[in-house]
Amino acid sequence: MLAITDTAAEAIKTLTTDAELPDGGGLRISAPDPEQGLELSLAGQPNTDDVVLAGDGVSVFLEPVVAQVLDDKVLDVQPVAGPDGGQELRFAIGVQERPEA
């Protein structure tokens, strides 16, 4: 299952609050054209076939194919250099760390 870092959860909370989404709204991750990568958007509710991850006041909706692809991944937020030389925060997908046996 996709893991969500605390930093990403805070970013999602901020985005959904700023967008004034209804209760139950959240971040939706889809793949309208899988060869072009993933698309993130805000949604007032999940689509009927979405996999819903919810906890700590955050909801993430995943298209079924995206849920399979991201099953062993982690959603995070990382700073990147912006076009004006400043820093921007962007969502990033990484590999989940496996616990040592």
C-alpha atoms as a PDB file:
ATOM      1  CA  MET A   1       0.000   0.000   0.000  1.00  0.00           C
ATOM      2  CA  LEU A   2       1.214   3.521  -0.797  1.00  0.00           C
ATOM      3  CA  ALA A   3       2.776   5.134   2.263  1.00  0.00           C
ATOM      4  CA  ILE A   4       2.413   8.877   2.876  1.00  0.00           C
ATOM      5  CA  THR A   5       5.070  10.825   4.774  1.00  0.00           C
ATOM      6  CA  ASP A   6       4.076  13.323   7.450  1.00  0.00           C
ATOM      7  CA  THR A   7       5.369  16.122   5.212  1.00  0.00           C
ATOM      8  CA  ALA A   8       3.183  14.980   2.307  1.00  0.00           C
ATOM      9  CA  ALA A   9       0.167  14.635   4.620  1.00  0.00           C
ATOM     10  CA  GLU A  10       0.620  18.220   5.824  1.00  0.00           C
ATOM     11  CA  ALA A  11       0.900  19.436   2.226  1.00  0.00           C
ATOM     12  CA  ILE A  12      -2.293  17.576   1.276  1.00  0.00           C
ATOM     13  CA  LYS A  13      -4.116  19.055   4.299  1.00  0.00           C
ATOM     14  CA  THR A  14      -3.008  22.542   3.289  1.00  0.00           C
ATOM     15  CA  LEU A  15      -4.045  22.059  -0.347  1.00  0.00           C
ATOM     16  CA  THR A  16      -7.472  20.625   0.475  1.00  0.00           C
ATOM     17  CA  THR A  17      -8.159  23.318   3.079  1.00  0.00           C
ATOM     18  CA  ASP A  18      -7.051  26.141   0.766  1.00  0.00           C
ATOM     19  CA  ALA A  19      -9.249  24.719  -2.009  1.00  0.00           C
ATOM     20  CA  GLU A  20     -12.192  24.550   0.433  1.00  0.00           C
ATOM     21  CA  LEU A  21     -12.976  20.968  -0.548  1.00  0.00           C
ATOM     22  CA  PRO A  22     -15.959  19.331   1.160  1.00  0.00           C
ATOM     23  CA  ASP A  23     -15.425  16.838   3.975  1.00  0.00           C
ATOM     24  CA  GLY A  24     -14.107  13.662   2.427  1.00  0.00           C
ATOM     25  CA  GLY A  25     -12.285  15.519  -0.350  1.00  0.00           C
ATOM     26  CA  GLY A  26      -8.653  14.821  -1.046  1.00  0.00           C
ATOM     27  CA  LEU A  27      -5.777  14.363  -3.440  1.00  0.00           C
ATOM     28  CA  ARG A  28      -6.466  12.135  -6.468  1.00  0.00           C
ATOM     29  CA  ILE A  29      -3.679  10.347  -8.300  1.00  0.00           C
ATOM     30  CA  SER A  30      -4.561   9.094 -11.762  1.00  0.00           C
ATOM     31  CA  ALA A  31      -2.870   8.010 -14.975  1.00  0.00           C
ATOM     32  CA  PRO A  32      -4.948   9.338 -17.884  1.00  0.00           C
ATOM     33  CA  ASP A  33      -2.026   8.505 -20.192  1.00  0.00           C
ATOM     34  CA  PRO A  34       0.273   6.013 -18.414  1.00  0.00           C
ATOM     35  CA  GLU A  35       3.136   6.761 -20.804  1.00  0.00           C
ATOM     36  CA  GLN A  36       3.080  10.405 -19.660  1.00  0.00           C
ATOM     37  CA  GLY A  37       3.283   9.601 -15.935  1.00  0.00           C
ATOM     38  CA  LEU A  38       0.912  10.297 -13.081  1.00  0.00           C
ATOM     39  CA  GLU A  39      -1.459  13.220 -12.653  1.00  0.00           C
ATOM     40  CA  LEU A  40      -2.280  14.742  -9.275  1.00  0.00           C
ATOM     41  CA  SER A  41      -5.452  16.748  -8.751  1.00  0.00           C
ATOM     42  CA  LEU A  42      -7.807  17.739  -5.962  1.00  0.00           C
ATOM     43  CA  ALA A  43     -11.179  15.992  -5.833  1.00  0.00           C
ATOM     44  CA  GLY A  44     -14.281  16.582  -3.743  1.00  0.00           C
ATOM     45  CA  GLN A  45     -14.882  12.839  -3.573  1.00  0.00           C
ATOM     46  CA  PRO A  46     -13.360   9.642  -4.942  1.00  0.00           C
ATOM     47  CA  ASN A  47     -14.518   8.044  -8.168  1.00  0.00           C
ATOM     48  CA  THR A  48     -16.547   4.877  -7.614  1.00  0.00           C
ATOM     49  CA  ASP A  49     -13.632   2.551  -8.450  1.00  0.00           C
ATOM     50  CA  ASP A  50     -10.876   4.515  -6.681  1.00  0.00           C
ATOM     51  CA  VAL A  51      -8.822   2.965  -3.888  1.00  0.00           C
ATOM     52  CA  VAL A  52      -9.161   5.328  -0.920  1.00  0.00           C
ATOM     53  CA  LEU A  53      -6.373   5.865   1.600  1.00  0.00           C
ATOM     54  CA  ALA A  54      -7.518   7.886   4.592  1.00  0.00           C
ATOM     55  CA  GLY A  55      -6.056   8.778   7.958  1.00  0.00           C
ATOM     56  CA  ASP A  56      -5.077  11.721  10.122  1.00  0.00           C
ATOM     57  CA  GLY A  57      -7.498  14.014   8.293  1.00  0.00           C
ATOM     58  CA  VAL A  58      -6.006  13.242   4.866  1.00  0.00           C
ATOM     59  CA  SER A  59      -7.624  11.382   1.963  1.00  0.00           C
ATOM     60  CA  VAL A  60      -5.821  10.146  -1.141  1.00  0.00           C
ATOM     61  CA  PHE A  61      -7.764   8.612  -4.015  1.00  0.00           C
ATOM     62  CA  LEU A  62      -5.933   6.238  -6.370  1.00  0.00           C
ATOM     63  CA  GLU A  63      -7.150   4.888  -9.701  1.00  0.00           C
ATOM     64  CA  PRO A  64      -7.023   1.061  -9.455  1.00  0.00           C
ATOM     65  CA  VAL A  65      -4.087   0.758 -11.889  1.00  0.00           C
ATOM     66  CA  VAL A  66      -2.229   3.528 -10.033  1.00  0.00           C
ATOM     67  CA  ALA A  67      -2.845   1.768  -6.705  1.00  0.00           C
ATOM     68  CA  GLN A  68      -1.115  -1.333  -8.110  1.00  0.00           C
ATOM     69  CA  VAL A  69       1.844   0.636  -9.473  1.00  0.00           C
ATOM     70  CA  LEU A  70       2.307   2.580  -6.209  1.00  0.00           C
ATOM     71  CA  ASP A  71       1.767  -0.394  -3.895  1.00  0.00           C
ATOM     72  CA  ASP A  72       5.382  -0.424  -2.659  1.00  0.00           C
ATOM     73  CA  LYS A  73       6.016   3.321  -2.971  1.00  0.00           C
ATOM     74  CA  VAL A  74       5.949   6.344  -0.669  1.00  0.00           C
ATOM     75  CA  LEU A  75       4.471   9.780  -1.396  1.00  0.00           C
ATOM     76  CA  ASP A  76       6.671  12.602  -0.113  1.00  0.00           C
ATOM     77  CA  VAL A  77       7.253  16.313  -0.636  1.00  0.00           C
ATOM     78  CA  GLN A  78      10.708  17.524  -1.616  1.00  0.00           C
ATOM     79  CA  PRO A  79      12.187  20.971  -2.259  1.00  0.00           C
ATOM     80  CA  VAL A  80      13.335  21.663  -5.810  1.00  0.00           C
ATOM     81  CA  ALA A  81      14.898  24.716  -7.412  1.00  0.00           C
ATOM     82  CA  GLY A  82      12.250  26.943  -8.937  1.00  0.00           C
ATOM     83  CA  PRO A  83      12.587  28.930 -12.171  1.00  0.00           C
ATOM     84  CA  ASP A  84      13.216  32.129 -10.185  1.00  0.00           C
ATOM     85  CA  GLY A  85      16.071  30.557  -8.236  1.00  0.00           C
ATOM     86  CA  GLY A  86      13.960  30.029  -5.110  1.00  0.00           C
ATOM     87  CA  GLN A  87      12.756  26.727  -3.749  1.00  0.00           C
ATOM     88  CA  GLU A  88       9.427  25.097  -4.535  1.00  0.00           C
ATOM     89  CA  LEU A  89       7.897  22.082  -2.858  1.00  0.00           C
ATOM     90  CA  ARG A  90       6.812  19.232  -5.114  1.00  0.00           C
ATOM     91  CA  PHE A  91       5.276  15.846  -4.527  1.00  0.00           C
ATOM     92  CA  ALA A  92       7.652  12.966  -5.198  1.00  0.00           C
ATOM     93  CA  ILE A  93       7.242   9.204  -5.364  1.00  0.00           C
ATOM     94  CA  GLY A  94       9.960   7.055  -3.832  1.00  0.00           C
ATOM     95  CA  VAL A  95      10.544   3.434  -2.885  1.00  0.00           C
ATOM     96  CA  GLN A  96       9.437   2.356   0.587  1.00  0.00           C
ATOM     97  CA  GLU A  97      12.263   1.406   2.906  1.00  0.00           C
ATOM     98  CA  ARG A  98      12.056  -2.211   3.881  1.00  0.00           C
ATOM     99  CA  PRO A  99      12.486  -2.948   7.585  1.00  0.00           C
ATOM    100  CA  GLU A 100      15.646  -4.841   8.374  1.00  0.00           C
ATOM    101  CA  ALA A 101      15.087  -8.433   9.401  1.00  0.00           C
END
